[in-house]
């Protein structure tokens, strides 16, 4: 009888040992718990405020008055605004569609080409204009896209005595350069009546007939008094 009790006791010990060895191991680190707080709100960046438009007027629009200008090339007087079929080798200018140059619709855009008939440059002499205090010449200057140009843009003038003033304002541009944004004061001419001349001169590294050059919105700006 005593041997049976011992055998039963040994059997119970064996069963308990097997149960303990099959139990899952305790975790060695705390489980990761998803955050319960909502993510921080995303701030929306506001665009900078649009600046108020300049208070002033366009006192002289060089594109609108193109056909009222005298056209010259340094040796010849040219017919203003000739027909498309005319000979343009003496120099040429025309108002073009701004959309063709990736510009906003309605942007006054003037294309100019210097002479390549043995003369150089193109001079567009505008009707007499009296400069006021605060007047400024404004334009963006660049060549047509994909044109290998090398030119000098200039704003020059005849005084009331007929004397030509050059240089006055000049800007050199070569294909690949950044656009030239001009905002030049004309205080030196305040009170004078002059004939402004917008001028295009070839600089020699490209054939003049390839110097397709743009004057974008060229004008005399006048602030309100």
Protein backbone atom coordinates (compact mmCIF):
# COMPACT_ATOMS: atom_id res chain seq x y z
CA UNK A 1 0.00 0.00 0.00
CA UNK A 2 2.79 2.36 0.86
CA UNK A 3 4.46 1.67 -2.51
CA UNK A 4 1.26 2.62 -4.37
CA UNK A 5 1.11 5.95 -2.53
CA UNK A 6 4.71 6.68 -3.46
CA UNK A 7 4.03 5.82 -7.11
CA UNK A 8 1.00 8.13 -7.25
CA UNK A 9 3.03 10.96 -5.68
CA UNK A 10 5.81 10.55 -8.28
CA UNK A 11 3.22 10.58 -11.09
CA UNK A 12 1.71 13.87 -9.85
CA UNK A 13 5.14 15.46 -9.66
CA UNK A 14 5.84 14.46 -13.29
CA UNK A 15 2.54 15.89 -14.57
CA UNK A 16 3.12 19.21 -12.81
CA UNK A 17 6.64 19.43 -14.26
CA UNK A 18 5.35 18.93 -17.82
CA UNK A 19 2.68 21.63 -17.40
CA UNK A 20 5.20 24.14 -16.14
CA UNK A 21 7.68 23.44 -18.97
CA UNK A 22 4.97 24.02 -21.64
CA UNK A 23 3.83 27.41 -20.32
CA UNK A 24 4.62 30.43 -22.55
CA UNK A 25 7.58 32.55 -21.52
CA UNK A 26 6.87 35.89 -19.95
CA UNK A 27 7.45 38.87 -22.34
CA UNK A 28 10.80 40.52 -21.91
CA UNK A 29 9.63 44.02 -22.94
CA UNK A 30 6.42 45.96 -22.73
CA UNK A 31 4.25 45.78 -25.90
CA UNK A 32 4.13 48.83 -28.11
CA UNK A 33 0.87 50.69 -27.64
CA UNK A 34 -0.48 52.89 -30.47
CA UNK A 35 -0.76 56.52 -29.37
CA UNK A 36 -4.22 57.52 -28.34
CA UNK A 37 -3.67 61.27 -28.92
CA UNK A 38 -4.60 62.66 -32.36
CA UNK A 39 -1.73 64.02 -34.49
CA UNK A 40 -0.94 67.69 -34.17
CA UNK A 41 -2.98 69.80 -36.60
CA UNK A 42 -1.18 70.70 -39.83
CA UNK A 43 -0.78 74.45 -40.37
CA UNK A 44 -1.66 75.70 -43.86
CA UNK A 45 0.87 78.18 -45.22
CA UNK A 46 -0.87 81.26 -46.51
CA UNK A 47 0.42 82.87 -49.70
CA UNK A 48 1.92 86.32 -49.28
CA UNK A 49 -0.55 89.13 -49.81
CA UNK A 50 -0.77 90.46 -53.33
CA UNK A 51 0.82 93.92 -53.40
CA UNK A 52 -1.43 96.79 -54.27
CA UNK A 53 -1.10 97.94 -57.86
CA UNK A 54 1.05 100.97 -58.51
CA UNK A 55 -0.89 104.20 -58.45
CA UNK A 56 0.07 105.90 -61.66
CA UNK A 57 -0.44 106.06 -65.39
CA UNK A 58 1.31 105.08 -68.59
CA UNK A 59 2.41 108.40 -70.01
CA UNK A 60 4.02 106.91 -73.14
CA UNK A 61 3.35 103.45 -74.55
CA UNK A 62 6.13 102.52 -76.97
CA UNK A 63 4.18 99.60 -78.43
CA UNK A 64 0.95 101.49 -79.06
CA UNK A 65 2.82 104.32 -80.82
CA UNK A 66 5.11 102.11 -82.89
CA UNK A 67 3.68 103.24 -86.24
CA UNK A 68 3.93 106.91 -85.17
CA UNK A 69 7.68 106.59 -84.67
CA UNK A 70 10.36 107.39 -87.25
CA UNK A 71 12.31 104.25 -88.21
CA UNK A 72 16.04 104.52 -89.00
CA UNK A 73 19.04 102.20 -89.15
CA UNK A 74 21.98 104.55 -88.97
CA UNK A 75 22.05 105.22 -92.70
CA UNK A 76 18.49 105.02 -93.97
CA UNK A 77 15.03 106.25 -93.11
CA UNK A 78 12.65 103.29 -93.16
CA UNK A 79 8.93 103.11 -93.72
CA UNK A 80 7.18 102.63 -90.37
CA UNK A 81 5.15 99.43 -90.00
CA UNK A 82 5.82 98.02 -93.48
CA UNK A 83 3.83 95.18 -94.97
CA UNK A 84 4.78 91.64 -94.01
CA UNK A 85 5.90 91.03 -97.61
CA UNK A 86 8.24 94.07 -97.66
CA UNK A 87 12.04 93.91 -97.47
CA UNK A 88 12.93 93.92 -93.76
CA UNK A 89 16.72 93.79 -94.15
CA UNK A 90 17.03 97.44 -93.13
CA UNK A 91 15.66 96.60 -89.70
CA UNK A 92 12.21 95.72 -88.52
CA UNK A 93 9.79 96.01 -85.60
CA UNK A 94 6.31 94.77 -84.88
CA UNK A 95 3.91 94.19 -82.02
CA UNK A 96 3.51 90.45 -81.50
CA UNK A 97 1.11 88.15 -79.70
CA UNK A 98 2.42 87.80 -76.12
CA UNK A 99 1.01 84.28 -75.84
CA UNK A 100 3.54 83.12 -78.43
CA UNK A 101 6.28 84.02 -75.92
CA UNK A 102 4.59 82.53 -72.87
CA UNK A 103 3.50 85.95 -71.62
CA UNK A 104 0.08 86.84 -70.18
CA UNK A 105 -2.56 87.79 -72.70
CA UNK A 106 -2.70 91.51 -73.33
CA UNK A 107 0.96 92.17 -72.47
CA UNK A 108 2.25 94.79 -74.94
CA UNK A 109 5.23 93.11 -76.61
CA UNK A 110 7.48 94.63 -79.25
CA UNK A 111 9.78 92.54 -81.45
CA UNK A 112 12.78 94.35 -82.95
CA UNK A 113 15.46 93.16 -85.41
CA UNK A 114 18.51 95.28 -86.33
CA UNK A 115 19.51 95.98 -89.94
CA UNK A 116 21.54 93.39 -91.84
CA UNK A 117 21.78 95.11 -95.23
CA UNK A 118 25.16 96.72 -94.63
CA UNK A 119 23.89 99.09 -91.96
CA UNK A 120 23.61 98.28 -88.27
CA UNK A 121 21.12 98.83 -85.50
CA UNK A 122 17.50 99.92 -85.48
CA UNK A 123 16.35 103.28 -84.14
CA UNK A 124 12.70 104.05 -83.39
CA UNK A 125 12.27 107.78 -82.77
CA UNK A 126 9.01 108.61 -81.00
CA UNK A 127 7.00 111.84 -81.07
CA UNK A 128 8.06 114.67 -78.73
CA UNK A 129 7.33 114.07 -75.08
CA UNK A 130 7.66 116.31 -72.01
CA UNK A 131 9.21 114.49 -69.07
CA UNK A 132 7.68 115.11 -65.64
CA UNK A 133 9.28 114.76 -62.23
CA UNK A 134 8.93 111.14 -61.13
CA UNK A 135 8.67 109.67 -64.63
CA UNK A 136 10.35 106.27 -65.08
CA UNK A 137 11.18 104.03 -68.01
CA UNK A 138 9.97 100.48 -67.44
CA UNK A 139 10.33 97.35 -69.56
CA UNK A 140 11.46 93.74 -69.52
CA UNK A 141 14.14 92.95 -72.07
CA UNK A 142 15.06 89.57 -73.55
CA UNK A 143 15.38 87.85 -76.89
CA UNK A 144 12.85 85.46 -78.35
CA UNK A 145 13.01 81.94 -77.00
CA UNK A 146 15.62 79.68 -78.61
CA UNK A 147 17.25 82.54 -80.54
CA UNK A 148 21.07 82.90 -80.34
CA UNK A 149 21.07 86.67 -79.97
CA UNK A 150 23.72 89.10 -78.73
CA UNK A 151 22.48 92.69 -78.59
CA UNK A 152 22.49 96.01 -76.83
CA UNK A 153 19.18 97.61 -75.90
CA UNK A 154 19.19 101.36 -75.33
CA UNK A 155 16.90 104.25 -74.51
CA UNK A 156 18.31 107.44 -76.07
CA UNK A 157 16.84 110.77 -77.08
CA UNK A 158 16.92 113.92 -79.19
CA UNK A 159 16.68 117.15 -77.22
CA UNK A 160 14.56 120.12 -78.31
CA UNK A 161 17.54 121.48 -80.29
CA UNK A 162 17.79 118.27 -82.32
CA UNK A 163 20.97 117.02 -80.63
CA UNK A 164 21.17 113.27 -80.22
CA UNK A 165 22.11 111.96 -76.77
CA UNK A 166 23.82 108.58 -76.79
CA UNK A 167 24.65 106.83 -74.57
CA UNK A 168 21.85 107.49 -72.12
CA UNK A 169 20.50 104.19 -70.79
CA UNK A 170 21.91 100.92 -72.14
CA UNK A 171 21.64 97.20 -71.37
CA UNK A 172 23.58 94.35 -72.96
CA UNK A 173 21.90 90.98 -73.39
CA UNK A 174 23.12 87.63 -74.73
CA UNK A 175 21.09 84.46 -75.21
CA UNK A 176 20.98 82.54 -71.93
CA UNK A 177 21.23 85.63 -69.72
CA UNK A 178 18.50 86.33 -67.14
CA UNK A 179 15.75 88.65 -68.28
CA UNK A 180 16.52 92.33 -67.74
CA UNK A 181 13.84 94.09 -65.71
CA UNK A 182 14.24 97.83 -66.19
CA UNK A 183 12.84 100.47 -63.86
CA UNK A 184 14.95 103.55 -64.56
CA UNK A 185 14.28 107.02 -63.25
CA UNK A 186 14.30 109.91 -65.71
CA UNK A 187 14.87 112.72 -63.24
CA UNK A 188 17.77 114.09 -65.30
CA UNK A 189 15.25 114.98 -68.03
CA UNK A 190 12.46 116.38 -65.83
CA UNK A 191 10.94 119.47 -67.43
CA UNK A 192 12.53 118.81 -70.85
CA UNK A 193 10.74 117.99 -74.08
CA UNK A 194 12.57 115.18 -75.89
CA UNK A 195 12.08 112.63 -78.64
CA UNK A 196 12.80 109.26 -77.06
CA UNK A 197 14.53 106.64 -79.22
CA UNK A 198 14.48 102.95 -78.42
CA UNK A 199 17.52 101.40 -80.02
CA UNK A 200 18.73 97.90 -80.79
CA UNK A 201 22.36 97.30 -81.76
CA UNK A 202 23.94 93.96 -82.72
CA UNK A 203 26.99 93.05 -80.64
CA UNK A 204 28.70 90.92 -83.28
CA UNK A 205 28.71 87.32 -82.06
CA UNK A 206 25.55 86.39 -83.98
CA UNK A 207 24.23 87.45 -87.40
CA UNK A 208 22.00 90.54 -86.97
CA UNK A 209 19.10 88.82 -88.74
CA UNK A 210 19.01 86.34 -85.83
CA UNK A 211 18.86 89.05 -83.14
CA UNK A 212 15.11 88.75 -82.57
CA UNK A 213 14.80 90.94 -79.49
CA UNK A 214 11.80 91.68 -77.30
CA UNK A 215 10.75 94.80 -75.43
CA UNK A 216 8.04 93.60 -73.06
CA UNK A 217 5.64 96.34 -71.91
CA UNK A 218 8.05 99.23 -72.64
CA UNK A 219 6.55 102.47 -71.35
CA UNK A 220 7.08 105.69 -69.44
CA UNK A 221 5.43 105.35 -66.05
CA UNK A 222 4.12 108.45 -64.32
CA UNK A 223 3.05 108.37 -60.67
CA UNK A 224 -0.08 110.25 -59.75
CA UNK A 225 0.65 113.78 -58.46
